[in-house]
PDB file of N, CA and C in Angstrom:
ATOM      1  N   LEU A   1     -12.091 -30.709  -2.232  1.00  0.00           N
ATOM      2  CA  LEU A   1     -11.167 -31.958  -1.605  1.00  0.00           C
ATOM      3  C   LEU A   1     -12.126 -32.759  -0.825  1.00  0.00           C
ATOM      4  N   HIS A   2     -13.309 -32.383  -0.376  1.00  0.00           N
ATOM      5  CA  HIS A   2     -13.909 -33.322   0.531  1.00  0.00           C
ATOM      6  C   HIS A   2     -14.976 -34.257  -0.246  1.00  0.00           C
ATOM      7  N   ASP A   3     -15.251 -33.823  -1.398  1.00  0.00           N
ATOM      8  CA  ASP A   3     -16.367 -34.646  -2.212  1.00  0.00           C
ATOM      9  C   ASP A   3     -15.633 -35.319  -3.353  1.00  0.00           C
ATOM     10  N   LYS A   4     -15.709 -34.438  -4.593  1.00  0.00           N
ATOM     11  CA  LYS A   4     -15.249 -35.014  -5.791  1.00  0.00           C
ATOM     12  C   LYS A   4     -13.875 -35.428  -5.891  1.00  0.00           C
ATOM     13  N   TYR A   5     -12.887 -34.773  -5.335  1.00  0.00           N
ATOM     14  CA  TYR A   5     -11.565 -35.196  -5.392  1.00  0.00           C
ATOM     15  C   TYR A   5     -10.918 -35.841  -4.078  1.00  0.00           C
ATOM     16  N   GLN A   6     -11.787 -36.357  -3.238  1.00  0.00           N
ATOM     17  CA  GLN A   6     -11.314 -37.060  -1.956  1.00  0.00           C
ATOM     18  C   GLN A   6     -10.522 -38.341  -2.232  1.00  0.00           C
ATOM     19  N   GLU A   7     -10.843 -38.994  -3.145  1.00  0.00           N
ATOM     20  CA  GLU A   7      -9.953 -40.253  -3.446  1.00  0.00           C
ATOM     21  C   GLU A   7      -8.699 -39.990  -3.914  1.00  0.00           C
ATOM     22  N   PHE A   8      -8.373 -38.638  -4.448  1.00  0.00           N
ATOM     23  CA  PHE A   8      -7.087 -38.401  -5.025  1.00  0.00           C
ATOM     24  C   PHE A   8      -6.188 -37.711  -4.152  1.00  0.00           C
ATOM     25  N   VAL A   9      -6.595 -37.214  -2.909  1.00  0.00           N
ATOM     26  CA  VAL A   9      -5.938 -36.393  -1.976  1.00  0.00           C
ATOM     27  C   VAL A   9      -5.745 -37.131  -0.692  1.00  0.00           C
ATOM     28  N   SER A  10      -4.488 -37.161  -0.137  1.00  0.00           N
ATOM     29  CA  SER A  10      -4.459 -37.596   1.058  1.00  0.00           C
ATOM     30  C   SER A  10      -4.831 -36.780   2.190  1.00  0.00           C
ATOM     31  N   ASP A  11      -5.019 -37.308   3.445  1.00  0.00           N
ATOM     32  CA  ASP A  11      -5.432 -36.320   4.498  1.00  0.00           C
ATOM     33  C   ASP A  11      -4.434 -35.368   4.729  1.00  0.00           C
ATOM     34  N   SER A  12      -3.094 -35.578   4.745  1.00  0.00           N
ATOM     35  CA  SER A  12      -2.198 -34.788   4.981  1.00  0.00           C
ATOM     36  C   SER A  12      -2.077 -33.625   3.947  1.00  0.00           C
ATOM     37  N   GLU A  13      -2.285 -33.935   2.815  1.00  0.00           N
ATOM     38  CA  GLU A  13      -2.394 -32.955   1.773  1.00  0.00           C
ATOM     39  C   GLU A  13      -3.468 -32.023   1.880  1.00  0.00           C
ATOM     40  N   LYS A  14      -4.726 -32.676   2.244  1.00  0.00           N
ATOM     41  CA  LYS A  14      -5.938 -31.927   2.335  1.00  0.00           C
ATOM     42  C   LYS A  14      -5.747 -30.850   3.536  1.00  0.00           C
ATOM     43  N   GLU A  15      -5.161 -31.383   4.653  1.00  0.00           N
ATOM     44  CA  GLU A  15      -4.810 -30.550   5.821  1.00  0.00           C
ATOM     45  C   GLU A  15      -3.905 -29.333   5.446  1.00  0.00           C
ATOM     46  N   GLY A  16      -3.002 -29.586   4.637  1.00  0.00           N
ATOM     47  CA  GLY A  16      -1.948 -28.576   4.119  1.00  0.00           C
ATOM     48  C   GLY A  16      -2.703 -27.489   3.256  1.00  0.00           C
ATOM     49  N   PHE A  17      -3.474 -27.952   2.239  1.00  0.00           N
ATOM     50  CA  PHE A  17      -4.355 -27.160   1.293  1.00  0.00           C
ATOM     51  C   PHE A  17      -5.099 -26.292   2.236  1.00  0.00           C
ATOM     52  N   SER A  18      -5.937 -26.951   3.241  1.00  0.00           N
ATOM     53  CA  SER A  18      -6.861 -26.066   4.041  1.00  0.00           C
ATOM     54  C   SER A  18      -5.992 -25.063   5.003  1.00  0.00           C
ATOM     55  N   ALA A  19      -4.861 -25.375   5.350  1.00  0.00           N
ATOM     56  CA  ALA A  19      -4.051 -24.494   6.204  1.00  0.00           C
ATOM     57  C   ALA A  19      -3.652 -23.264   5.415  1.00  0.00           C
ATOM     58  N   LYS A  20      -3.110 -23.586   4.315  1.00  0.00           N
ATOM     59  CA  LYS A  20      -2.700 -22.432   3.260  1.00  0.00           C
ATOM     60  C   LYS A  20      -3.737 -21.609   2.946  1.00  0.00           C
ATOM     61  N   LEU A  21      -4.920 -22.200   2.619  1.00  0.00           N
ATOM     62  CA  LEU A  21      -6.097 -21.356   2.145  1.00  0.00           C
ATOM     63  C   LEU A  21      -6.501 -20.301   3.455  1.00  0.00           C
ATOM     64  N   GLN A  22      -6.562 -20.981   4.539  1.00  0.00           N
ATOM     65  CA  GLN A  22      -6.838 -20.160   5.572  1.00  0.00           C
ATOM     66  C   GLN A  22      -6.006 -19.019   5.933  1.00  0.00           C
ATOM     67  N   GLU A  23      -4.545 -19.360   5.874  1.00  0.00           N
ATOM     68  CA  GLU A  23      -3.497 -18.415   5.977  1.00  0.00           C
ATOM     69  C   GLU A  23      -3.882 -17.173   5.061  1.00  0.00           C
ATOM     70  N   VAL A  24      -4.046 -17.508   3.703  1.00  0.00           N
ATOM     71  CA  VAL A  24      -4.282 -16.334   2.837  1.00  0.00           C
ATOM     72  C   VAL A  24      -5.596 -15.648   3.079  1.00  0.00           C
ATOM     73  N   GLU A  25      -6.710 -16.303   3.413  1.00  0.00           N
ATOM     74  CA  GLU A  25      -7.853 -15.699   3.805  1.00  0.00           C
ATOM     75  C   GLU A  25      -7.752 -14.623   4.832  1.00  0.00           C
ATOM     76  N   ASP A  26      -6.886 -15.035   5.931  1.00  0.00           N
ATOM     77  CA  ASP A  26      -6.670 -14.135   7.139  1.00  0.00           C
ATOM     78  C   ASP A  26      -5.880 -13.001   6.529  1.00  0.00           C
ATOM     79  N   TRP A  27      -4.890 -13.199   5.730  1.00  0.00           N
ATOM     80  CA  TRP A  27      -4.074 -12.091   5.194  1.00  0.00           C
ATOM     81  C   TRP A  27      -4.887 -11.179   4.336  1.00  0.00           C
ATOM     82  N   LEU A  28      -5.754 -11.679   3.519  1.00  0.00           N
ATOM     83  CA  LEU A  28      -6.556 -10.833   2.656  1.00  0.00           C
ATOM     84  C   LEU A  28      -7.534  -9.816   3.548  1.00  0.00           C
ATOM     85  N   TYR A  29      -8.005 -10.373   4.700  1.00  0.00           N
ATOM     86  CA  TYR A  29      -8.900  -9.628   5.483  1.00  0.00           C
ATOM     87  C   TYR A  29      -8.155  -8.883   6.438  1.00  0.00           C
ATOM     88  N   GLU A  30      -6.972  -8.952   6.702  1.00  0.00           N
ATOM     89  CA  GLU A  30      -6.130  -8.212   7.591  1.00  0.00           C
ATOM     90  C   GLU A  30      -5.133  -7.220   6.892  1.00  0.00           C
ATOM     91  N   ASP A  31      -3.887  -7.805   6.593  1.00  0.00           N
ATOM     92  CA  ASP A  31      -2.875  -7.061   6.028  1.00  0.00           C
ATOM     93  C   ASP A  31      -3.096  -6.780   4.609  1.00  0.00           C
ATOM     94  N   GLY A  32      -3.715  -7.593   3.787  1.00  0.00           N
ATOM     95  CA  GLY A  32      -3.757  -7.699   2.465  1.00  0.00           C
ATOM     96  C   GLY A  32      -4.891  -6.633   1.931  1.00  0.00           C
ATOM     97  N   GLU A  33      -5.627  -6.069   2.849  1.00  0.00           N
ATOM     98  CA  GLU A  33      -6.873  -5.280   2.373  1.00  0.00           C
ATOM     99  C   GLU A  33      -6.487  -4.136   1.535  1.00  0.00           C
ATOM    100  N   ASP A  34      -5.403  -3.436   1.717  1.00  0.00           N
ATOM    101  CA  ASP A  34      -4.877  -2.245   1.198  1.00  0.00           C
ATOM    102  C   ASP A  34      -3.693  -2.417   0.252  1.00  0.00           C
ATOM    103  N   GLU A  35      -3.510  -3.709  -0.098  1.00  0.00           N
ATOM    104  CA  GLU A  35      -2.188  -4.040  -0.962  1.00  0.00           C
ATOM    105  C   GLU A  35      -2.497  -3.590  -2.542  1.00  0.00           C
ATOM    106  N   SER A  36      -1.301  -3.450  -3.106  1.00  0.00           N
ATOM    107  CA  SER A  36      -1.363  -3.049  -4.532  1.00  0.00           C
ATOM    108  C   SER A  36      -1.625  -4.385  -5.282  1.00  0.00           C
ATOM    109  N   LYS A  37      -2.070  -4.238  -6.666  1.00  0.00           N
ATOM    110  CA  LYS A  37      -2.275  -5.416  -7.509  1.00  0.00           C
ATOM    111  C   LYS A  37      -1.046  -6.230  -7.418  1.00  0.00           C
ATOM    112  N   GLY A  38       0.085  -5.835  -7.509  1.00  0.00           N
ATOM    113  CA  GLY A  38       1.278  -6.609  -7.772  1.00  0.00           C
ATOM    114  C   GLY A  38       1.407  -7.531  -6.504  1.00  0.00           C
ATOM    115  N   VAL A  39       0.957  -7.172  -5.399  1.00  0.00           N
ATOM    116  CA  VAL A  39       0.929  -7.988  -4.236  1.00  0.00           C
ATOM    117  C   VAL A  39       0.093  -9.182  -4.253  1.00  0.00           C
ATOM    118  N   TYR A  40      -1.055  -8.695  -4.819  1.00  0.00           N
ATOM    119  CA  TYR A  40      -2.020  -9.851  -4.972  1.00  0.00           C
ATOM    120  C   TYR A  40      -1.741 -10.857  -6.124  1.00  0.00           C
ATOM    121  N   VAL A  41      -1.044 -10.312  -7.151  1.00  0.00           N
ATOM    122  CA  VAL A  41      -0.512 -11.240  -8.048  1.00  0.00           C
ATOM    123  C   VAL A  41       0.475 -12.178  -7.557  1.00  0.00           C
ATOM    124  N   ALA A  42       1.416 -11.655  -6.905  1.00  0.00           N
ATOM    125  CA  ALA A  42       2.485 -12.368  -6.139  1.00  0.00           C
ATOM    126  C   ALA A  42       1.928 -13.558  -5.255  1.00  0.00           C
ATOM    127  N   LYS A  43       0.901 -13.034  -4.552  1.00  0.00           N
ATOM    128  CA  LYS A  43       0.274 -14.151  -3.522  1.00  0.00           C
ATOM    129  C   LYS A  43      -0.363 -15.195  -4.432  1.00  0.00           C
ATOM    130  N   LEU A  44      -1.032 -14.903  -5.412  1.00  0.00           N
ATOM    131  CA  LEU A  44      -1.657 -15.803  -6.408  1.00  0.00           C
ATOM    132  C   LEU A  44      -0.612 -16.807  -6.902  1.00  0.00           C
ATOM    133  N   GLU A  45       0.416 -16.258  -7.465  1.00  0.00           N
ATOM    134  CA  GLU A  45       1.607 -17.129  -7.921  1.00  0.00           C
ATOM    135  C   GLU A  45       2.073 -18.141  -6.962  1.00  0.00           C
ATOM    136  N   GLU A  46       2.196 -17.476  -5.679  1.00  0.00           N
ATOM    137  CA  GLU A  46       2.632 -18.449  -4.558  1.00  0.00           C
ATOM    138  C   GLU A  46       1.740 -19.556  -4.336  1.00  0.00           C
ATOM    139  N   LEU A  47       0.393 -19.424  -4.407  1.00  0.00           N
ATOM    140  CA  LEU A  47      -0.630 -20.437  -4.148  1.00  0.00           C
ATOM    141  C   LEU A  47      -0.546 -21.450  -5.393  1.00  0.00           C
ATOM    142  N   LYS A  48      -0.107 -20.975  -6.493  1.00  0.00           N
ATOM    143  CA  LYS A  48      -0.150 -21.971  -7.601  1.00  0.00           C
ATOM    144  C   LYS A  48       1.027 -22.764  -7.604  1.00  0.00           C
ATOM    145  N   LYS A  49       2.023 -22.683  -6.635  1.00  0.00           N
ATOM    146  CA  LYS A  49       3.109 -23.578  -6.563  1.00  0.00           C
ATOM    147  C   LYS A  49       2.700 -24.862  -6.089  1.00  0.00           C
TER     148      LYS A  49
END
């Protein structure tokens, strides 16, 4: 989002993407560490929206 696609993404969209990715990363290393495959699949589908 900072290089190749920068001209296609607004600053607010970039901030939203970064915040969501940080939220998911935090979840993965905290609560998501011991979750089932189904929970990971659900999180992935949520990100695709």
